[in-house]
Amino acid sequence: MRILVWAMLLMMTLIGCASRQKSEVRPLHAPSGTSAIVGQQWEIGNQLFAQRDWAGAKQAYSAIIQADPTVAEAHYNLALALERLGEKAEARKHYVAAANLAPGNKVIWDAPPLRKFDGDVELDKKSYMDPKPQ
């Protein structure tokens, strides 16, 4: 009887673990107030990203950053494309830039790609997630 109970518990655990899916990280949309030209480039970048054309998306997001280097979401999207291209060091720079430009942006700070560098990034600002000093 005990063996049957243990077997059922093990089976339920395995089924539960198998059903959990890894959350998909998606590029962000252009922030409100973005110019029409940048918004158009942004849509191109997001479409290329959706088509898994990482090099094309990289080029589109890089153009946005050249037009306005203060847009955190563009740095984040570029980092996503760079990571998929295997350019980890360059991706890391853009994750950090995005976090520094948007310390209150929950999506950027919660993103698994940024959090995997946790403790090993040089952020200028604190996130809303960081503990408050006592």
N, C-alpha and C. Protein backbone atom coordinates (compact mmCIF):
# COMPACT_ATOMS: atom_id res chain seq x y z
N MET A 1 0.82 -1.19 0.00
CA MET A 1 0.00 0.00 0.00
C MET A 1 0.87 1.27 0.00
N ARG A 2 1.91 1.26 0.84
CA ARG A 2 2.81 2.42 0.89
C ARG A 2 3.48 2.65 -0.46
N ILE A 3 3.87 1.58 -1.09
CA ILE A 3 4.53 1.70 -2.39
C ILE A 3 3.58 2.34 -3.40
N LEU A 4 2.33 1.94 -3.36
CA LEU A 4 1.34 2.50 -4.27
C LEU A 4 1.15 4.00 -4.02
N VAL A 5 1.10 4.41 -2.76
CA VAL A 5 0.95 5.82 -2.41
C VAL A 5 2.17 6.61 -2.89
N TRP A 6 3.36 6.09 -2.63
CA TRP A 6 4.58 6.77 -3.07
C TRP A 6 4.64 6.85 -4.59
N ALA A 7 4.24 5.80 -5.26
CA ALA A 7 4.26 5.79 -6.73
C ALA A 7 3.30 6.84 -7.28
N MET A 8 2.13 6.96 -6.66
CA MET A 8 1.15 7.95 -7.11
C MET A 8 1.67 9.37 -6.85
N LEU A 9 2.27 9.59 -5.69
CA LEU A 9 2.83 10.91 -5.40
C LEU A 9 3.94 11.27 -6.38
N LEU A 10 4.80 10.32 -6.66
CA LEU A 10 5.88 10.55 -7.62
C LEU A 10 5.33 10.87 -9.00
N MET A 11 4.32 10.13 -9.42
CA MET A 11 3.73 10.34 -10.73
C MET A 11 3.07 11.73 -10.80
N MET A 12 2.37 12.13 -9.74
CA MET A 12 1.72 13.45 -9.72
C MET A 12 2.75 14.56 -9.75
N THR A 13 3.86 14.37 -9.06
CA THR A 13 4.93 15.37 -9.06
C THR A 13 5.54 15.51 -10.45
N LEU A 14 5.80 14.38 -11.09
CA LEU A 14 6.39 14.41 -12.43
C LEU A 14 5.45 15.06 -13.43
N ILE A 15 4.18 14.76 -13.34
CA ILE A 15 3.21 15.38 -14.24
C ILE A 15 3.13 16.88 -13.99
N GLY A 16 3.14 17.27 -12.73
CA GLY A 16 3.10 18.69 -12.39
C GLY A 16 4.30 19.44 -12.91
N CYS A 17 5.49 18.86 -12.79
CA CYS A 17 6.70 19.50 -13.27
C CYS A 17 6.72 19.59 -14.79
N ALA A 18 6.22 18.56 -15.45
CA ALA A 18 6.23 18.54 -16.91
C ALA A 18 5.25 19.55 -17.49
N SER A 19 4.17 19.84 -16.75
CA SER A 19 3.17 20.75 -17.29
C SER A 19 3.57 22.21 -17.15
N ARG A 20 4.55 22.50 -16.31
CA ARG A 20 5.00 23.89 -16.17
C ARG A 20 5.82 24.28 -17.37
N GLN A 21 5.40 25.34 -18.01
CA GLN A 21 6.12 25.80 -19.18
C GLN A 21 6.98 26.99 -18.82
N LYS A 22 8.12 27.07 -19.47
CA LYS A 22 9.00 28.22 -19.28
C LYS A 22 8.32 29.43 -19.91
N SER A 23 8.27 30.53 -19.17
CA SER A 23 7.62 31.71 -19.71
C SER A 23 8.44 32.28 -20.87
N GLU A 24 7.72 32.63 -21.91
CA GLU A 24 8.37 33.15 -23.10
C GLU A 24 8.68 34.63 -22.92
N VAL A 25 9.89 34.99 -23.22
CA VAL A 25 10.29 36.40 -23.14
C VAL A 25 10.05 37.02 -24.51
N ARG A 26 9.30 38.09 -24.51
CA ARG A 26 8.94 38.76 -25.76
C ARG A 26 9.48 40.19 -25.76
N PRO A 27 9.72 40.73 -26.95
CA PRO A 27 10.18 42.12 -27.02
C PRO A 27 9.06 43.06 -26.59
N LEU A 28 9.46 44.19 -26.07
CA LEU A 28 8.51 45.19 -25.62
C LEU A 28 8.05 46.06 -26.77
N HIS A 29 6.89 46.67 -26.60
CA HIS A 29 6.37 47.61 -27.59
C HIS A 29 6.95 49.00 -27.34
N ALA A 30 6.84 49.83 -28.33
CA ALA A 30 7.33 51.20 -28.20
C ALA A 30 6.57 51.93 -27.11
N PRO A 31 7.27 52.70 -26.29
CA PRO A 31 6.57 53.47 -25.25
C PRO A 31 5.71 54.56 -25.87
N SER A 32 4.70 54.98 -25.12
CA SER A 32 3.83 56.05 -25.62
C SER A 32 4.65 57.32 -25.82
N GLY A 33 4.27 58.07 -26.81
CA GLY A 33 4.99 59.31 -27.12
C GLY A 33 6.12 59.10 -28.10
N THR A 34 6.30 57.88 -28.56
CA THR A 34 7.36 57.59 -29.54
C THR A 34 6.96 58.17 -30.89
N SER A 35 7.92 58.74 -31.58
CA SER A 35 7.62 59.33 -32.90
C SER A 35 7.16 58.25 -33.87
N ALA A 36 6.46 58.68 -34.90
CA ALA A 36 5.92 57.75 -35.90
C ALA A 36 7.04 56.97 -36.59
N ILE A 37 8.14 57.63 -36.90
CA ILE A 37 9.25 56.98 -37.59
C ILE A 37 9.87 55.90 -36.70
N VAL A 38 10.11 56.25 -35.43
CA VAL A 38 10.68 55.27 -34.51
C VAL A 38 9.68 54.14 -34.26
N GLY A 39 8.40 54.48 -34.14
CA GLY A 39 7.36 53.47 -33.96
C GLY A 39 7.31 52.49 -35.11
N GLN A 40 7.50 53.00 -36.32
CA GLN A 40 7.51 52.15 -37.51
C GLN A 40 8.71 51.19 -37.47
N GLN A 41 9.87 51.73 -37.13
CA GLN A 41 11.08 50.91 -37.02
C GLN A 41 10.90 49.86 -35.93
N TRP A 42 10.23 50.26 -34.86
CA TRP A 42 9.99 49.36 -33.73
C TRP A 42 9.14 48.18 -34.17
N GLU A 43 8.08 48.46 -34.93
CA GLU A 43 7.21 47.39 -35.41
C GLU A 43 7.97 46.44 -36.33
N ILE A 44 8.84 46.99 -37.15
CA ILE A 44 9.68 46.15 -38.02
C ILE A 44 10.55 45.25 -37.16
N GLY A 45 11.18 45.82 -36.15
CA GLY A 45 12.03 45.03 -35.26
C GLY A 45 11.25 43.92 -34.57
N ASN A 46 10.06 44.24 -34.06
CA ASN A 46 9.26 43.23 -33.39
C ASN A 46 8.77 42.15 -34.34
N GLN A 47 8.45 42.53 -35.58
CA GLN A 47 8.05 41.54 -36.57
C GLN A 47 9.21 40.61 -36.90
N LEU A 48 10.39 41.19 -37.09
CA LEU A 48 11.57 40.37 -37.39
C LEU A 48 11.89 39.45 -36.21
N PHE A 49 11.73 39.95 -35.01
CA PHE A 49 11.95 39.13 -33.82
C PHE A 49 10.97 37.95 -33.80
N ALA A 50 9.70 38.23 -34.08
CA ALA A 50 8.68 37.18 -34.11
C ALA A 50 8.98 36.14 -35.19
N GLN A 51 9.62 36.56 -36.27
CA GLN A 51 10.00 35.65 -37.36
C GLN A 51 11.33 34.95 -37.09
N ARG A 52 11.89 35.22 -35.92
CA ARG A 52 13.16 34.63 -35.50
C ARG A 52 14.34 35.11 -36.35
N ASP A 53 14.19 36.29 -36.94
CA ASP A 53 15.28 36.92 -37.69
C ASP A 53 16.02 37.82 -36.71
N TRP A 54 16.87 37.20 -35.91
CA TRP A 54 17.55 37.91 -34.83
C TRP A 54 18.48 39.01 -35.37
N ALA A 55 19.15 38.75 -36.47
CA ALA A 55 20.06 39.75 -37.04
C ALA A 55 19.29 40.96 -37.55
N GLY A 56 18.16 40.71 -38.19
CA GLY A 56 17.32 41.82 -38.65
C GLY A 56 16.76 42.62 -37.50
N ALA A 57 16.31 41.92 -36.45
CA ALA A 57 15.78 42.60 -35.27
C ALA A 57 16.88 43.42 -34.60
N LYS A 58 18.08 42.85 -34.54
CA LYS A 58 19.22 43.57 -33.95
C LYS A 58 19.44 44.88 -34.69
N GLN A 59 19.41 44.83 -36.00
CA GLN A 59 19.63 46.02 -36.82
C GLN A 59 18.52 47.06 -36.58
N ALA A 60 17.29 46.61 -36.50
CA ALA A 60 16.16 47.53 -36.29
C ALA A 60 16.25 48.20 -34.92
N TYR A 61 16.52 47.41 -33.88
CA TYR A 61 16.60 47.98 -32.54
C TYR A 61 17.82 48.88 -32.38
N SER A 62 18.91 48.53 -33.05
CA SER A 62 20.10 49.38 -33.02
C SER A 62 19.82 50.74 -33.64
N ALA A 63 19.04 50.76 -34.71
CA ALA A 63 18.68 52.02 -35.36
C ALA A 63 17.84 52.88 -34.43
N ILE A 64 16.96 52.25 -33.66
CA ILE A 64 16.15 53.00 -32.70
C ILE A 64 17.03 53.63 -31.64
N ILE A 65 18.00 52.86 -31.14
CA ILE A 65 18.90 53.37 -30.10
C ILE A 65 19.76 54.51 -30.64
N GLN A 66 20.16 54.42 -31.91
CA GLN A 66 20.92 55.52 -32.50
C GLN A 66 20.07 56.79 -32.56
N ALA A 67 18.79 56.62 -32.84
CA ALA A 67 17.89 57.78 -32.91
C ALA A 67 17.62 58.35 -31.52
N ASP A 68 17.50 57.47 -30.51
CA ASP A 68 17.25 57.92 -29.14
C ASP A 68 17.83 56.90 -28.16
N PRO A 69 19.05 57.14 -27.68
CA PRO A 69 19.70 56.19 -26.78
C PRO A 69 19.11 56.11 -25.37
N THR A 70 18.09 56.91 -25.08
CA THR A 70 17.52 56.91 -23.74
C THR A 70 16.27 56.04 -23.61
N VAL A 71 15.92 55.31 -24.65
CA VAL A 71 14.72 54.47 -24.61
C VAL A 71 15.08 53.09 -24.07
N ALA A 72 14.70 52.85 -22.82
CA ALA A 72 15.05 51.60 -22.14
C ALA A 72 14.52 50.38 -22.88
N GLU A 73 13.31 50.47 -23.37
CA GLU A 73 12.69 49.32 -24.04
C GLU A 73 13.46 48.90 -25.29
N ALA A 74 14.05 49.86 -25.99
CA ALA A 74 14.85 49.53 -27.18
C ALA A 74 16.12 48.79 -26.78
N HIS A 75 16.75 49.21 -25.69
CA HIS A 75 17.94 48.49 -25.20
C HIS A 75 17.56 47.07 -24.80
N TYR A 76 16.44 46.93 -24.14
CA TYR A 76 15.97 45.61 -23.71
C TYR A 76 15.73 44.70 -24.92
N ASN A 77 15.01 45.22 -25.92
CA ASN A 77 14.73 44.43 -27.11
C ASN A 77 16.01 44.05 -27.85
N LEU A 78 16.95 44.99 -27.93
CA LEU A 78 18.23 44.70 -28.57
C LEU A 78 18.95 43.60 -27.81
N ALA A 79 18.91 43.67 -26.49
CA ALA A 79 19.55 42.63 -25.67
C ALA A 79 18.95 41.26 -25.94
N LEU A 80 17.63 41.20 -26.10
CA LEU A 80 16.97 39.92 -26.40
C LEU A 80 17.49 39.35 -27.73
N ALA A 81 17.60 40.21 -28.74
CA ALA A 81 18.08 39.76 -30.05
C ALA A 81 19.55 39.34 -29.97
N LEU A 82 20.35 40.13 -29.29
CA LEU A 82 21.78 39.81 -29.15
C LEU A 82 21.99 38.48 -28.43
N GLU A 83 21.18 38.25 -27.41
CA GLU A 83 21.31 36.99 -26.68
C GLU A 83 21.01 35.80 -27.58
N ARG A 84 20.02 35.93 -28.41
CA ARG A 84 19.67 34.83 -29.32
C ARG A 84 20.73 34.64 -30.40
N LEU A 85 21.48 35.70 -30.70
CA LEU A 85 22.58 35.59 -31.66
C LEU A 85 23.85 35.05 -31.02
N GLY A 86 23.81 34.86 -29.71
CA GLY A 86 24.98 34.34 -29.00
C GLY A 86 25.95 35.42 -28.56
N GLU A 87 25.58 36.68 -28.72
CA GLU A 87 26.43 37.80 -28.33
C GLU A 87 26.12 38.18 -26.88
N LYS A 88 26.47 37.28 -25.96
CA LYS A 88 26.10 37.41 -24.55
C LYS A 88 26.67 38.67 -23.89
N ALA A 89 27.93 38.97 -24.12
CA ALA A 89 28.55 40.13 -23.47
C ALA A 89 27.88 41.43 -23.92
N GLU A 90 27.61 41.54 -25.20
CA GLU A 90 26.95 42.74 -25.71
C GLU A 90 25.50 42.80 -25.22
N ALA A 91 24.83 41.66 -25.14
CA ALA A 91 23.46 41.61 -24.63
C ALA A 91 23.43 42.11 -23.20
N ARG A 92 24.38 41.67 -22.42
CA ARG A 92 24.44 42.07 -21.02
C ARG A 92 24.52 43.60 -20.88
N LYS A 93 25.33 44.23 -21.72
CA LYS A 93 25.46 45.69 -21.67
C LYS A 93 24.11 46.37 -21.88
N HIS A 94 23.33 45.83 -22.80
CA HIS A 94 22.04 46.44 -23.11
C HIS A 94 20.98 46.11 -22.06
N TYR A 95 21.06 44.94 -21.45
CA TYR A 95 20.16 44.66 -20.32
C TYR A 95 20.42 45.65 -19.19
N VAL A 96 21.68 45.89 -18.90
CA VAL A 96 22.05 46.83 -17.84
C VAL A 96 21.63 48.24 -18.21
N ALA A 97 21.84 48.63 -19.47
CA ALA A 97 21.41 49.96 -19.91
C ALA A 97 19.90 50.12 -19.75
N ALA A 98 19.15 49.10 -20.13
CA ALA A 98 17.69 49.15 -20.00
C ALA A 98 17.29 49.30 -18.54
N ALA A 99 17.92 48.53 -17.67
CA ALA A 99 17.59 48.60 -16.24
C ALA A 99 17.95 49.95 -15.66
N ASN A 100 19.08 50.50 -16.06
CA ASN A 100 19.49 51.81 -15.55
C ASN A 100 18.58 52.93 -16.05
N LEU A 101 18.07 52.79 -17.26
CA LEU A 101 17.19 53.81 -17.82
C LEU A 101 15.77 53.71 -17.29
N ALA A 102 15.39 52.53 -16.78
CA ALA A 102 14.01 52.32 -16.32
C ALA A 102 13.97 51.56 -15.01
N PRO A 103 14.42 52.18 -13.92
CA PRO A 103 14.48 51.46 -12.65
C PRO A 103 13.12 51.02 -12.12
N GLY A 104 12.05 51.59 -12.59
CA GLY A 104 10.73 51.19 -12.11
C GLY A 104 9.98 50.29 -13.07
N ASN A 105 10.61 49.90 -14.17
CA ASN A 105 9.92 49.09 -15.17
C ASN A 105 9.93 47.63 -14.74
N LYS A 106 8.79 47.16 -14.29
CA LYS A 106 8.66 45.81 -13.75
C LYS A 106 9.00 44.74 -14.79
N VAL A 107 8.61 44.93 -16.03
CA VAL A 107 8.88 43.94 -17.07
C VAL A 107 10.38 43.78 -17.27
N ILE A 108 11.09 44.88 -17.38
CA ILE A 108 12.54 44.81 -17.59
C ILE A 108 13.22 44.19 -16.39
N TRP A 109 12.87 44.62 -15.19
CA TRP A 109 13.55 44.12 -13.99
C TRP A 109 13.19 42.68 -13.65
N ASP A 110 12.00 42.24 -14.04
CA ASP A 110 11.58 40.86 -13.75
C ASP A 110 12.03 39.88 -14.82
N ALA A 111 12.51 40.38 -15.93
CA ALA A 111 12.84 39.52 -17.06
C ALA A 111 13.92 38.51 -16.69
N PRO A 112 13.68 37.25 -17.00
CA PRO A 112 14.69 36.22 -16.70
C PRO A 112 16.07 36.51 -17.28
N PRO A 113 16.15 37.06 -18.50
CA PRO A 113 17.50 37.34 -19.01
C PRO A 113 18.28 38.32 -18.15
N LEU A 114 17.61 39.32 -17.59
CA LEU A 114 18.31 40.27 -16.72
C LEU A 114 18.58 39.65 -15.36
N ARG A 115 17.63 38.94 -14.83
CA ARG A 115 17.77 38.36 -13.50
C ARG A 115 18.84 37.27 -13.44
N LYS A 116 19.12 36.63 -14.56
CA LYS A 116 20.15 35.59 -14.52
C LYS A 116 21.54 36.18 -14.28
N PHE A 117 21.67 37.49 -14.52
CA PHE A 117 22.93 38.16 -14.24
C PHE A 117 22.94 38.72 -12.83
N ASP A 118 21.87 38.46 -12.06
CA ASP A 118 21.70 39.03 -10.72
C ASP A 118 22.97 38.89 -9.89
N GLY A 119 23.34 39.98 -9.26
CA GLY A 119 24.53 39.98 -8.41
C GLY A 119 25.80 40.20 -9.20
N ASP A 120 25.71 40.14 -10.52
CA ASP A 120 26.91 40.28 -11.34
C ASP A 120 26.74 41.42 -12.35
N VAL A 121 25.83 42.34 -12.04
CA VAL A 121 25.62 43.48 -12.93
C VAL A 121 25.92 44.76 -12.18
N GLU A 122 26.35 45.74 -12.92
CA GLU A 122 26.68 47.03 -12.33
C GLU A 122 25.59 48.02 -12.68
N LEU A 123 24.58 48.06 -11.84
CA LEU A 123 23.45 48.95 -12.09
C LEU A 123 23.67 50.27 -11.38
N ASP A 124 23.30 51.35 -12.07
CA ASP A 124 23.44 52.68 -11.50
C ASP A 124 22.36 52.97 -10.46
N LYS A 125 21.21 52.38 -10.66
CA LYS A 125 20.06 52.67 -9.81
C LYS A 125 19.54 51.39 -9.19
N LYS A 126 18.75 51.54 -8.17
CA LYS A 126 18.11 50.41 -7.52
C LYS A 126 16.76 50.15 -8.15
N SER A 127 16.38 48.90 -8.21
CA SER A 127 15.08 48.51 -8.70
C SER A 127 14.06 48.62 -7.58
N TYR A 128 12.80 48.64 -7.95
CA TYR A 128 11.75 48.58 -6.96
C TYR A 128 11.82 47.25 -6.21
N MET A 129 12.49 46.25 -6.80
CA MET A 129 12.57 44.93 -6.19
C MET A 129 13.67 44.85 -5.13
N ASP A 130 14.62 45.75 -5.17
CA ASP A 130 15.73 45.68 -4.21
C ASP A 130 15.25 46.04 -2.82
N PRO A 131 15.78 45.37 -1.81
CA PRO A 131 15.35 45.68 -0.45
C PRO A 131 15.72 47.11 -0.07
N LYS A 132 14.84 47.70 0.71
CA LYS A 132 15.09 49.08 1.16
C LYS A 132 16.13 49.05 2.28
N PRO A 133 17.05 50.02 2.29
CA PRO A 133 18.05 50.05 3.36
C PRO A 133 17.38 50.29 4.70
N GLN A 134 17.97 49.71 5.74
CA GLN A 134 17.37 49.85 7.07
C GLN A 134 18.14 50.83 7.90
